[in-house]
């Protein structure tokens, strides 16, 4: 008995397998990706803003003019000695490339003691807080320090008071990524000191 091949006939094989139905996308995955993308964009924007602020502020110069409104620069020997002392004190505790100092006097004979410095400040507010610690006497350091409006030049501006023989003396200062300065206002009110500092800054600082 001979074995004959079994004929199963012609079978057509499909060249393309049937497609599986698409899997539904996970809503959790989409939300997570969207959140990560938003966070990345926010971080990029924040870094861009910080970089722009540093670049726009870092090349500041401070040049005390001979007259600022009603304030006149005192060029006497005592004023120069005080100015040099304040500059040396600042540069001893705050890393600066260049320092300036000046004593201004108004028509009533009231003085304003101003000193500051320029460099690239990576942490201007922290450096300003350090500078405030330079001003102290037997009664204590600057207290009640508060932030006040910085004006058109931006950065951080703070004011406080320190004890003196004539009562509380206002002390104000500013800091940005290119400059830092302090001013003392003997015989004046704190409410008058902040606007005067902004006036001095506008006349002194250039970028």
N, C-alpha and C. Protein backbone atom coordinates (compact mmCIF):
# COMPACT_ATOMS: atom_id res chain seq x y z
N UNK A 1 0.87 -1.18 0.00
CA UNK A 1 0.00 0.00 0.00
C UNK A 1 0.90 1.22 0.00
N UNK A 2 0.68 2.04 -0.99
CA UNK A 2 1.53 3.24 -1.12
C UNK A 2 0.96 4.38 -0.34
N UNK A 3 1.89 5.17 0.23
CA UNK A 3 1.46 6.35 1.00
C UNK A 3 1.40 7.54 0.07
N UNK A 4 0.22 8.06 -0.13
CA UNK A 4 0.03 9.23 -1.00
C UNK A 4 0.01 10.47 -0.15
N UNK A 5 0.55 11.55 -0.68
CA UNK A 5 0.52 12.82 0.10
C UNK A 5 -0.90 13.26 0.33
N UNK A 6 -1.09 13.82 1.45
CA UNK A 6 -2.43 14.31 1.81
C UNK A 6 -2.60 15.70 1.25
N UNK A 7 -3.61 15.86 0.45
CA UNK A 7 -3.88 17.16 -0.16
C UNK A 7 -4.80 17.96 0.74
N UNK A 8 -4.24 19.05 1.26
CA UNK A 8 -5.10 19.89 2.13
C UNK A 8 -5.64 21.08 1.37
N UNK A 9 -5.38 21.09 0.11
CA UNK A 9 -5.90 22.18 -0.69
C UNK A 9 -5.03 23.43 -0.58
N UNK A 10 -5.45 24.46 -1.27
CA UNK A 10 -4.70 25.73 -1.31
C UNK A 10 -5.16 26.62 -0.16
N UNK A 11 -4.20 27.03 0.67
CA UNK A 11 -4.51 27.90 1.81
C UNK A 11 -3.85 29.25 1.59
N UNK A 12 -4.64 30.29 1.52
CA UNK A 12 -4.08 31.64 1.36
C UNK A 12 -3.72 32.21 2.73
N UNK A 13 -2.45 32.61 2.86
CA UNK A 13 -1.98 33.24 4.10
C UNK A 13 -1.96 34.74 3.93
N UNK A 14 -2.54 35.40 4.82
CA UNK A 14 -2.56 36.87 4.74
C UNK A 14 -1.17 37.42 5.05
N UNK A 15 -0.71 38.32 4.22
CA UNK A 15 0.61 38.94 4.44
C UNK A 15 0.60 39.92 5.61
N UNK A 16 -0.56 40.36 5.99
CA UNK A 16 -0.67 41.35 7.08
C UNK A 16 -1.50 40.78 8.20
N UNK A 17 -0.89 40.74 9.38
CA UNK A 17 -1.60 40.24 10.54
C UNK A 17 -2.65 41.26 10.97
N UNK A 18 -3.70 40.82 11.53
CA UNK A 18 -4.74 41.78 12.00
C UNK A 18 -4.18 42.71 13.08
N UNK A 19 -4.49 44.00 12.93
CA UNK A 19 -3.99 45.00 13.89
C UNK A 19 -4.70 44.89 15.22
N UNK A 20 -3.87 45.07 16.27
CA UNK A 20 -4.47 45.11 17.59
C UNK A 20 -5.10 46.47 17.82
N UNK A 21 -6.18 46.52 18.47
CA UNK A 21 -6.81 47.83 18.75
C UNK A 21 -5.88 48.69 19.59
N UNK A 22 -5.79 50.00 19.29
CA UNK A 22 -4.88 50.87 20.05
C UNK A 22 -5.23 50.90 21.53
N UNK A 23 -4.15 50.89 22.32
CA UNK A 23 -4.37 50.95 23.76
C UNK A 23 -4.69 52.38 24.19
N UNK A 24 -5.63 52.51 25.02
CA UNK A 24 -5.94 53.87 25.49
C UNK A 24 -4.78 54.45 26.29
N UNK A 25 -4.47 55.73 26.04
CA UNK A 25 -3.38 56.38 26.77
C UNK A 25 -3.77 56.61 28.22
N UNK A 26 -2.78 56.44 29.04
CA UNK A 26 -3.03 56.62 30.47
C UNK A 26 -3.17 58.10 30.79
N UNK A 27 -4.27 58.49 31.40
CA UNK A 27 -4.46 59.89 31.79
C UNK A 27 -3.43 60.31 32.82
N UNK A 28 -3.08 59.38 33.68
CA UNK A 28 -2.08 59.70 34.71
C UNK A 28 -0.74 60.03 34.06
N UNK A 29 -0.38 59.26 33.03
CA UNK A 29 0.89 59.49 32.34
C UNK A 29 0.88 60.84 31.64
N UNK A 30 -0.23 61.18 31.00
CA UNK A 30 -0.33 62.46 30.31
C UNK A 30 -0.24 63.62 31.30
N UNK A 31 -0.89 63.48 32.42
CA UNK A 31 -0.86 64.55 33.43
C UNK A 31 0.55 64.71 33.97
N UNK A 32 1.23 63.57 34.20
CA UNK A 32 2.60 63.63 34.72
C UNK A 32 3.53 64.31 33.73
N UNK A 33 3.42 63.94 32.45
CA UNK A 33 4.27 64.55 31.43
C UNK A 33 3.99 66.04 31.30
N UNK A 34 2.73 66.41 31.36
CA UNK A 34 2.37 67.83 31.27
C UNK A 34 2.93 68.62 32.44
N UNK A 35 2.85 68.01 33.63
CA UNK A 35 3.38 68.68 34.83
C UNK A 35 4.89 68.87 34.74
N UNK A 36 5.59 67.82 34.29
CA UNK A 36 7.04 67.91 34.14
C UNK A 36 7.43 68.95 33.10
N UNK A 37 6.68 69.00 32.01
CA UNK A 37 6.98 69.99 30.97
C UNK A 37 6.77 71.40 31.48
N UNK A 38 5.67 71.60 32.21
CA UNK A 38 5.40 72.94 32.76
C UNK A 38 6.47 73.35 33.76
N UNK A 39 6.91 72.39 34.59
CA UNK A 39 7.95 72.70 35.56
C UNK A 39 9.27 73.04 34.87
N UNK A 40 9.57 72.30 33.80
CA UNK A 40 10.81 72.58 33.06
C UNK A 40 10.77 73.96 32.43
N UNK A 41 9.63 74.32 31.85
CA UNK A 41 9.49 75.64 31.24
C UNK A 41 9.60 76.73 32.29
N UNK A 42 8.97 76.52 33.44
CA UNK A 42 9.05 77.51 34.52
C UNK A 42 10.47 77.67 35.01
N UNK A 43 11.18 76.55 35.15
CA UNK A 43 12.57 76.62 35.59
C UNK A 43 13.45 77.34 34.59
N UNK A 44 13.22 77.07 33.30
CA UNK A 44 13.99 77.75 32.26
C UNK A 44 13.72 79.24 32.28
N UNK A 45 12.45 79.63 32.45
CA UNK A 45 12.10 81.05 32.49
C UNK A 45 12.74 81.73 33.69
N UNK A 46 12.72 81.05 34.85
CA UNK A 46 13.32 81.64 36.05
C UNK A 46 14.83 81.81 35.88
N UNK A 47 15.48 80.80 35.29
CA UNK A 47 16.92 80.90 35.06
C UNK A 47 17.24 82.03 34.09
N UNK A 48 16.39 82.16 33.06
CA UNK A 48 16.61 83.23 32.10
C UNK A 48 16.46 84.60 32.72
N UNK A 49 15.44 84.76 33.58
CA UNK A 49 15.23 86.04 34.25
C UNK A 49 16.39 86.35 35.18
N UNK A 50 16.86 85.37 35.93
CA UNK A 50 17.98 85.59 36.85
C UNK A 50 19.24 85.97 36.08
N UNK A 51 19.49 85.27 34.97
CA UNK A 51 20.68 85.57 34.18
C UNK A 51 20.60 86.98 33.60
N UNK A 52 19.43 87.35 33.11
CA UNK A 52 19.27 88.71 32.55
C UNK A 52 19.49 89.76 33.63
N UNK A 53 18.98 89.52 34.82
CA UNK A 53 19.12 90.49 35.90
C UNK A 53 20.58 90.65 36.30
N UNK A 54 21.32 89.54 36.36
CA UNK A 54 22.74 89.62 36.70
C UNK A 54 23.50 90.40 35.64
N UNK A 55 23.25 90.06 34.38
CA UNK A 55 23.97 90.73 33.28
C UNK A 55 23.66 92.22 33.25
N UNK A 56 22.40 92.58 33.49
CA UNK A 56 22.01 93.99 33.41
C UNK A 56 22.50 94.82 34.59
N UNK A 57 22.85 94.18 35.71
CA UNK A 57 23.23 94.92 36.91
C UNK A 57 24.72 94.85 37.23
N UNK A 58 25.45 93.91 36.66
CA UNK A 58 26.78 93.58 37.16
C UNK A 58 27.83 94.65 36.91
N UNK A 59 27.67 95.49 35.91
CA UNK A 59 28.71 96.47 35.55
C UNK A 59 28.39 97.86 36.10
N UNK A 60 27.99 97.93 37.33
CA UNK A 60 27.61 99.21 37.94
C UNK A 60 28.85 100.01 38.35
N UNK A 61 28.68 101.32 38.36
CA UNK A 61 29.70 102.22 38.90
C UNK A 61 29.03 103.16 39.90
N UNK A 62 29.80 103.59 40.88
CA UNK A 62 29.31 104.54 41.88
C UNK A 62 30.22 105.77 41.86
N UNK A 63 29.63 106.93 41.59
CA UNK A 63 30.38 108.18 41.55
C UNK A 63 29.59 109.25 42.28
N UNK A 64 29.93 109.55 43.53
CA UNK A 64 29.20 110.58 44.28
C UNK A 64 29.40 111.96 43.64
N UNK A 65 28.33 112.62 43.22
CA UNK A 65 28.47 113.94 42.60
C UNK A 65 28.63 115.03 43.65
N UNK A 66 28.97 116.23 43.19
CA UNK A 66 29.17 117.34 44.12
C UNK A 66 27.88 117.87 44.71
N UNK A 67 26.75 117.63 44.03
CA UNK A 67 25.46 118.14 44.51
C UNK A 67 24.38 117.13 44.17
N UNK A 68 23.52 116.84 45.13
CA UNK A 68 22.35 115.99 44.91
C UNK A 68 21.15 116.74 45.47
N UNK A 69 20.40 117.39 44.63
CA UNK A 69 19.29 118.20 45.13
C UNK A 69 19.79 119.27 46.07
N UNK A 70 19.27 119.25 47.29
CA UNK A 70 19.69 120.22 48.30
C UNK A 70 20.91 119.75 49.09
N UNK A 71 21.43 118.59 48.77
CA UNK A 71 22.59 118.03 49.48
C UNK A 71 23.89 118.43 48.79
N UNK A 72 24.82 118.93 49.57
CA UNK A 72 26.11 119.37 49.03
C UNK A 72 27.21 118.46 49.58
N UNK A 73 28.14 118.07 48.70
CA UNK A 73 29.26 117.23 49.10
C UNK A 73 30.21 118.01 50.00
N UNK A 74 30.48 117.45 51.17
CA UNK A 74 31.42 118.05 52.11
C UNK A 74 32.83 117.57 51.76
N UNK A 75 33.70 118.49 51.37
CA UNK A 75 35.05 118.13 50.95
C UNK A 75 36.10 118.50 51.99
N UNK A 76 35.67 118.75 53.23
CA UNK A 76 36.60 119.06 54.29
C UNK A 76 37.41 117.86 54.73
N UNK A 77 38.46 118.12 55.50
CA UNK A 77 39.35 117.04 55.95
C UNK A 77 38.63 116.04 56.84
N UNK A 78 37.77 116.53 57.73
CA UNK A 78 37.04 115.62 58.62
C UNK A 78 36.13 114.70 57.82
N UNK A 79 35.45 115.27 56.83
CA UNK A 79 34.55 114.47 56.00
C UNK A 79 35.33 113.41 55.22
N UNK A 80 36.48 113.78 54.71
CA UNK A 80 37.29 112.82 53.97
C UNK A 80 37.79 111.70 54.88
N UNK A 81 38.18 112.06 56.09
CA UNK A 81 38.65 111.05 57.04
C UNK A 81 37.55 110.06 57.38
N UNK A 82 36.34 110.58 57.63
CA UNK A 82 35.20 109.71 57.92
C UNK A 82 34.90 108.81 56.72
N UNK A 83 34.94 109.40 55.54
CA UNK A 83 34.66 108.64 54.32
C UNK A 83 35.64 107.50 54.14
N UNK A 84 36.92 107.76 54.35
CA UNK A 84 37.94 106.71 54.21
C UNK A 84 37.75 105.61 55.26
N UNK A 85 37.41 106.01 56.46
CA UNK A 85 37.19 105.02 57.52
C UNK A 85 36.03 104.09 57.15
N UNK A 86 34.94 104.65 56.64
CA UNK A 86 33.78 103.85 56.29
C UNK A 86 34.09 102.91 55.12
N UNK A 87 34.86 103.39 54.16
CA UNK A 87 35.23 102.54 53.03
C UNK A 87 36.10 101.37 53.47
N UNK A 88 37.04 101.64 54.36
CA UNK A 88 37.91 100.57 54.86
C UNK A 88 37.12 99.53 55.65
N UNK A 89 36.15 100.00 56.42
CA UNK A 89 35.32 99.08 57.20
C UNK A 89 34.50 98.18 56.28
N UNK A 90 33.97 98.77 55.21
CA UNK A 90 33.17 97.98 54.27
C UNK A 90 34.02 96.93 53.57
N UNK A 91 35.17 97.34 53.04
CA UNK A 91 36.00 96.40 52.28
C UNK A 91 36.60 95.31 53.16
N UNK A 92 36.65 95.54 54.48
CA UNK A 92 37.18 94.52 55.38
C UNK A 92 36.23 93.34 55.53
N UNK A 93 34.92 93.59 55.42
CA UNK A 93 33.94 92.52 55.65
C UNK A 93 33.16 92.12 54.40
N UNK A 94 33.16 92.95 53.38
CA UNK A 94 32.43 92.65 52.15
C UNK A 94 33.42 92.70 50.99
N UNK A 95 33.43 91.65 50.19
CA UNK A 95 34.37 91.55 49.07
C UNK A 95 33.94 92.48 47.94
N UNK A 96 34.65 93.58 47.73
CA UNK A 96 34.34 94.54 46.68
C UNK A 96 35.61 94.85 45.88
N UNK A 97 35.42 95.27 44.64
CA UNK A 97 36.55 95.65 43.80
C UNK A 97 36.94 97.12 44.00
N UNK A 98 35.94 97.95 44.25
CA UNK A 98 36.19 99.38 44.39
C UNK A 98 35.22 99.95 45.42
N UNK A 99 35.69 100.88 46.24
CA UNK A 99 34.83 101.52 47.24
C UNK A 99 34.74 103.01 46.98
N UNK A 100 33.65 103.59 47.45
CA UNK A 100 33.46 105.04 47.40
C UNK A 100 32.88 105.48 48.74
N UNK A 101 33.03 106.74 49.04
CA UNK A 101 32.45 107.28 50.27
C UNK A 101 32.26 108.78 50.13
N UNK A 102 31.31 109.31 50.86
CA UNK A 102 31.04 110.75 50.79
C UNK A 102 30.25 111.16 52.01
N UNK A 103 30.39 112.42 52.37
CA UNK A 103 29.57 113.04 53.40
C UNK A 103 28.83 114.20 52.75
N UNK A 104 27.51 114.16 52.83
CA UNK A 104 26.69 115.23 52.26
C UNK A 104 26.06 116.04 53.39
N UNK A 105 25.86 117.32 53.12
CA UNK A 105 25.29 118.24 54.11
C UNK A 105 24.17 119.03 53.47
N UNK A 106 23.06 119.20 54.20
CA UNK A 106 21.97 120.02 53.67
C UNK A 106 22.09 121.45 54.20
N UNK A 107 21.13 122.29 53.84
CA UNK A 107 21.19 123.70 54.21
C UNK A 107 21.11 123.90 55.72
N UNK A 108 20.50 122.96 56.43
CA UNK A 108 20.37 123.07 57.89
C UNK A 108 21.60 122.54 58.61
N UNK A 109 22.57 122.04 57.86
CA UNK A 109 23.79 121.52 58.48
C UNK A 109 23.72 120.07 58.90
N UNK A 110 22.67 119.37 58.51
CA UNK A 110 22.55 117.94 58.84
C UNK A 110 23.34 117.11 57.83
N UNK A 111 24.06 116.14 58.34
CA UNK A 111 24.93 115.32 57.49
C UNK A 111 24.27 114.01 57.09
N UNK A 112 24.72 113.48 55.97
CA UNK A 112 24.41 112.12 55.54
C UNK A 112 25.74 111.45 55.22
N UNK A 113 26.00 110.33 55.86
CA UNK A 113 27.24 109.59 55.65
C UNK A 113 26.97 108.44 54.68
N UNK A 114 27.63 108.46 53.55
CA UNK A 114 27.36 107.51 52.47
C UNK A 114 28.64 106.75 52.11
N UNK A 115 28.54 105.44 51.95
CA UNK A 115 29.68 104.65 51.49
C UNK A 115 29.17 103.38 50.81
N UNK A 116 29.95 102.90 49.84
CA UNK A 116 29.52 101.72 49.10
C UNK A 116 30.66 101.13 48.29
N UNK A 117 30.32 100.11 47.52
CA UNK A 117 31.33 99.44 46.70
C UNK A 117 30.70 98.74 45.52
N UNK A 118 31.54 98.37 44.56
CA UNK A 118 31.08 97.68 43.36
C UNK A 118 31.87 96.40 43.14
N UNK A 119 31.19 95.40 42.67
CA UNK A 119 31.75 94.12 42.22
C UNK A 119 30.58 93.30 41.72
N UNK A 120 30.81 92.06 41.34
CA UNK A 120 29.72 91.15 41.00
C UNK A 120 29.25 90.47 42.28
N UNK A 121 28.06 90.84 42.73
CA UNK A 121 27.47 90.24 43.92
C UNK A 121 26.51 89.12 43.49
N UNK A 122 26.84 87.87 43.85
CA UNK A 122 25.96 86.76 43.51
C UNK A 122 24.75 86.71 44.45
N UNK A 123 24.94 87.12 45.70
CA UNK A 123 23.86 87.10 46.69
C UNK A 123 23.74 88.49 47.31
N UNK A 124 23.20 89.46 46.56
CA UNK A 124 23.20 90.85 47.03
C UNK A 124 22.47 91.07 48.34
N UNK A 125 21.33 90.42 48.54
CA UNK A 125 20.59 90.65 49.79
C UNK A 125 21.39 90.16 50.99
N UNK A 126 22.01 89.00 50.87
CA UNK A 126 22.83 88.49 51.98
C UNK A 126 24.02 89.40 52.25
N UNK A 127 24.62 89.93 51.19
CA UNK A 127 25.75 90.85 51.37
C UNK A 127 25.30 92.15 52.02
N UNK A 128 24.09 92.60 51.70
CA UNK A 128 23.57 93.80 52.34
C UNK A 128 23.35 93.56 53.83
N UNK A 129 22.83 92.40 54.17
CA UNK A 129 22.65 92.07 55.59
C UNK A 129 23.98 92.06 56.33
N UNK A 130 25.03 91.57 55.67
CA UNK A 130 26.36 91.59 56.27
C UNK A 130 26.83 93.02 56.48
N UNK A 131 26.58 93.88 55.50
CA UNK A 131 27.01 95.27 55.61
C UNK A 131 26.32 95.99 56.76
N UNK A 132 25.06 95.67 57.00
CA UNK A 132 24.35 96.29 58.13
C UNK A 132 25.03 95.98 59.46
N UNK A 133 25.66 94.82 59.53
CA UNK A 133 26.31 94.43 60.78
C UNK A 133 27.56 95.25 61.07
N UNK A 134 28.05 95.98 60.06
CA UNK A 134 29.23 96.82 60.27
C UNK A 134 28.91 98.02 61.15
N UNK A 135 27.65 98.42 61.13
CA UNK A 135 27.26 99.63 61.85
C UNK A 135 26.73 99.24 63.22
N UNK A 136 27.48 99.53 64.23
CA UNK A 136 27.05 99.25 65.59
C UNK A 136 27.82 100.15 66.54
N UNK A 137 27.30 100.28 67.72
CA UNK A 137 28.01 101.04 68.76
C UNK A 137 27.78 100.34 70.09
N UNK A 138 28.04 101.02 71.16
CA UNK A 138 27.89 100.39 72.48
C UNK A 138 26.45 100.01 72.79
N UNK A 139 25.50 100.63 72.09
CA UNK A 139 24.09 100.35 72.35
C UNK A 139 23.58 99.15 71.56
N UNK A 140 24.31 98.75 70.53
CA UNK A 140 23.86 97.61 69.74
C UNK A 140 23.89 97.92 68.26
N UNK A 141 23.56 96.91 67.46
CA UNK A 141 23.63 97.02 66.00
C UNK A 141 22.34 97.60 65.43
N UNK A 142 22.28 97.63 64.11
CA UNK A 142 21.08 98.13 63.44
C UNK A 142 19.93 97.15 63.70
N UNK A 143 18.79 97.67 64.08
CA UNK A 143 17.63 96.84 64.41
C UNK A 143 16.42 97.30 63.60
N UNK A 144 15.36 96.52 63.73
CA UNK A 144 14.10 96.82 63.03
C UNK A 144 14.33 97.01 61.53
N UNK A 145 15.20 96.17 60.97
CA UNK A 145 15.49 96.28 59.54
C UNK A 145 14.30 95.77 58.74
N UNK A 146 13.90 96.56 57.76
CA UNK A 146 12.75 96.19 56.93
C UNK A 146 13.05 96.54 55.47
N UNK A 147 12.42 95.82 54.57
CA UNK A 147 12.60 96.10 53.14
C UNK A 147 11.67 97.23 52.72
N UNK A 148 12.17 98.11 51.87
CA UNK A 148 11.40 99.25 51.37
C UNK A 148 11.48 99.24 49.85
N UNK A 149 10.58 99.98 49.16
CA UNK A 149 10.61 100.00 47.69
C UNK A 149 11.98 100.40 47.15
N UNK A 150 12.43 99.67 46.13
CA UNK A 150 13.79 99.85 45.62
C UNK A 150 13.92 100.94 44.56
N UNK A 151 12.81 101.40 44.02
CA UNK A 151 12.90 102.41 42.98
C UNK A 151 13.21 101.80 41.62
N UNK A 152 13.53 102.65 40.66
CA UNK A 152 13.69 102.21 39.27
C UNK A 152 14.91 101.33 39.03
N UNK A 153 15.91 101.39 39.89
CA UNK A 153 17.13 100.61 39.69
C UNK A 153 17.03 99.19 40.24
N UNK A 154 15.96 98.89 40.94
CA UNK A 154 15.73 97.53 41.40
C UNK A 154 16.67 97.08 42.50
N UNK A 155 16.83 95.77 42.60
CA UNK A 155 17.64 95.23 43.68
C UNK A 155 16.88 95.20 44.99
N UNK A 156 17.60 95.22 46.08
CA UNK A 156 17.02 95.19 47.42
C UNK A 156 17.40 96.46 48.16
N UNK A 157 16.43 97.09 48.79
CA UNK A 157 16.67 98.27 49.63
C UNK A 157 16.06 98.00 51.00
N UNK A 158 16.84 98.22 52.05
CA UNK A 158 16.38 98.01 53.41
C UNK A 158 16.75 99.20 54.29
N UNK A 159 15.94 99.40 55.32
CA UNK A 159 16.20 100.47 56.29
C UNK A 159 15.99 99.94 57.70
N UNK A 160 16.72 100.51 58.64
CA UNK A 160 16.57 100.20 60.05
C UNK A 160 17.06 101.37 60.87
N UNK A 161 17.23 101.17 62.16
CA UNK A 161 17.71 102.23 63.04
C UNK A 161 18.79 101.67 63.96
N UNK A 162 19.69 102.56 64.37
CA UNK A 162 20.70 102.21 65.36
C UNK A 162 20.77 103.32 66.39
N UNK A 163 21.18 102.99 67.58
CA UNK A 163 21.22 103.97 68.66
C UNK A 163 22.39 104.93 68.46
N UNK A 164 22.18 106.19 68.84
CA UNK A 164 23.24 107.20 68.81
C UNK A 164 23.04 108.12 70.00
N UNK A 165 23.98 109.05 70.20
CA UNK A 165 23.88 109.99 71.32
C UNK A 165 22.64 110.86 71.22
N UNK A 166 22.16 111.07 70.01
CA UNK A 166 20.99 111.93 69.79
C UNK A 166 19.71 111.13 69.59
N UNK A 167 19.72 109.86 69.95
CA UNK A 167 18.54 109.02 69.75
C UNK A 167 18.74 108.07 68.59
N UNK A 168 17.66 107.46 68.15
CA UNK A 168 17.74 106.50 67.06
C UNK A 168 18.15 107.18 65.75
N UNK A 169 19.11 106.59 65.06
CA UNK A 169 19.59 107.11 63.79
C UNK A 169 19.20 106.15 62.67
N UNK A 170 18.49 106.63 61.64
CA UNK A 170 18.14 105.76 60.52
C UNK A 170 19.37 105.33 59.73
N UNK A 171 19.34 104.10 59.27
CA UNK A 171 20.38 103.54 58.40
C UNK A 171 19.67 102.83 57.25
N UNK A 172 20.04 103.16 56.03
CA UNK A 172 19.44 102.52 54.86
C UNK A 172 20.53 102.03 53.93
N UNK A 173 20.22 101.02 53.15
CA UNK A 173 21.19 100.51 52.19
C UNK A 173 20.52 99.82 51.03
N UNK A 174 21.27 99.70 49.95
CA UNK A 174 20.78 98.95 48.79
C UNK A 174 21.84 97.95 48.35
N UNK A 175 21.39 96.95 47.61
CA UNK A 175 22.30 95.98 46.99
C UNK A 175 21.64 95.41 45.75
N UNK A 176 22.43 95.30 44.70
CA UNK A 176 22.02 94.56 43.51
C UNK A 176 23.22 93.73 43.06
N UNK A 177 23.19 93.21 41.85
CA UNK A 177 24.28 92.32 41.43
C UNK A 177 25.55 93.06 41.04
N UNK A 178 25.53 94.40 41.09
CA UNK A 178 26.73 95.14 40.73
C UNK A 178 27.20 96.14 41.76
N UNK A 179 26.36 96.47 42.73
CA UNK A 179 26.74 97.49 43.71
C UNK A 179 26.06 97.26 45.04
N UNK A 180 26.66 97.85 46.07
CA UNK A 180 26.12 97.80 47.43
C UNK A 180 26.51 99.10 48.12
N UNK A 181 25.58 99.68 48.87
CA UNK A 181 25.90 100.94 49.56
C UNK A 181 25.03 101.10 50.79
N UNK A 182 25.55 101.85 51.76
CA UNK A 182 24.83 102.18 52.98
C UNK A 182 24.91 103.69 53.19
N UNK A 183 23.91 104.20 53.89
CA UNK A 183 23.92 105.62 54.27
C UNK A 183 23.34 105.75 55.67
N UNK A 184 23.93 106.63 56.45
CA UNK A 184 23.46 106.92 57.81
C UNK A 184 22.92 108.34 57.84
N UNK A 185 21.82 108.51 58.55
CA UNK A 185 21.08 109.77 58.52
C UNK A 185 20.89 110.32 59.94
N UNK A 186 21.93 110.84 60.56
CA UNK A 186 21.78 111.39 61.92
C UNK A 186 20.84 112.59 61.93
N UNK A 187 19.98 112.64 62.97
CA UNK A 187 19.07 113.77 63.12
C UNK A 187 17.86 113.73 62.22
N UNK A 188 17.62 112.62 61.54
CA UNK A 188 16.47 112.52 60.62
C UNK A 188 15.55 111.38 61.05
N UNK A 189 14.34 111.42 60.50
CA UNK A 189 13.36 110.37 60.74
C UNK A 189 13.54 109.25 59.71
N UNK A 190 13.14 108.06 60.12
CA UNK A 190 13.26 106.92 59.22
C UNK A 190 12.43 107.13 57.95
N UNK A 191 11.29 107.78 58.09
CA UNK A 191 10.43 108.02 56.92
C UNK A 191 11.08 108.94 55.90
N UNK A 192 12.03 109.77 56.34
CA UNK A 192 12.75 110.65 55.42
C UNK A 192 13.98 109.98 54.82
N UNK A 193 14.51 108.99 55.51
CA UNK A 193 15.77 108.39 55.10
C UNK A 193 15.65 107.58 53.82
N UNK A 194 14.59 106.77 53.70
CA UNK A 194 14.46 105.91 52.52
C UNK A 194 14.37 106.72 51.22
N UNK A 195 13.52 107.76 51.14
CA UNK A 195 13.50 108.55 49.90
C UNK A 195 14.83 109.22 49.60
N UNK A 196 15.54 109.65 50.64
CA UNK A 196 16.84 110.28 50.43
C UNK A 196 17.86 109.28 49.88
N UNK A 197 17.81 108.03 50.37
CA UNK A 197 18.72 107.02 49.84
C UNK A 197 18.45 106.78 48.36
N UNK A 198 17.18 106.68 47.98
CA UNK A 198 16.84 106.48 46.57
C UNK A 198 17.35 107.65 45.73
N UNK A 199 17.22 108.87 46.26
CA UNK A 199 17.71 110.05 45.55
C UNK A 199 19.23 109.98 45.37
N UNK A 200 19.93 109.59 46.42
CA UNK A 200 21.39 109.45 46.34
C UNK A 200 21.77 108.35 45.35
N UNK A 201 21.05 107.25 45.40
CA UNK A 201 21.36 106.15 44.49
C UNK A 201 21.16 106.55 43.04
N UNK A 202 20.05 107.22 42.74
CA UNK A 202 19.77 107.63 41.36
C UNK A 202 20.85 108.57 40.83
N UNK A 203 21.42 109.38 41.72
CA UNK A 203 22.45 110.34 41.30
C UNK A 203 23.85 109.72 41.26
N UNK A 204 24.04 108.63 41.96
CA UNK A 204 25.38 108.06 42.15
C UNK A 204 25.65 106.85 41.28
N UNK A 205 24.65 105.99 41.11
CA UNK A 205 24.86 104.72 40.43
C UNK A 205 24.59 104.82 38.94
N UNK A 206 25.50 104.25 38.17
CA UNK A 206 25.34 104.16 36.71
C UNK A 206 25.65 102.72 36.28
N UNK A 207 24.97 102.30 35.21
CA UNK A 207 25.22 100.96 34.66
C UNK A 207 25.57 101.07 33.18
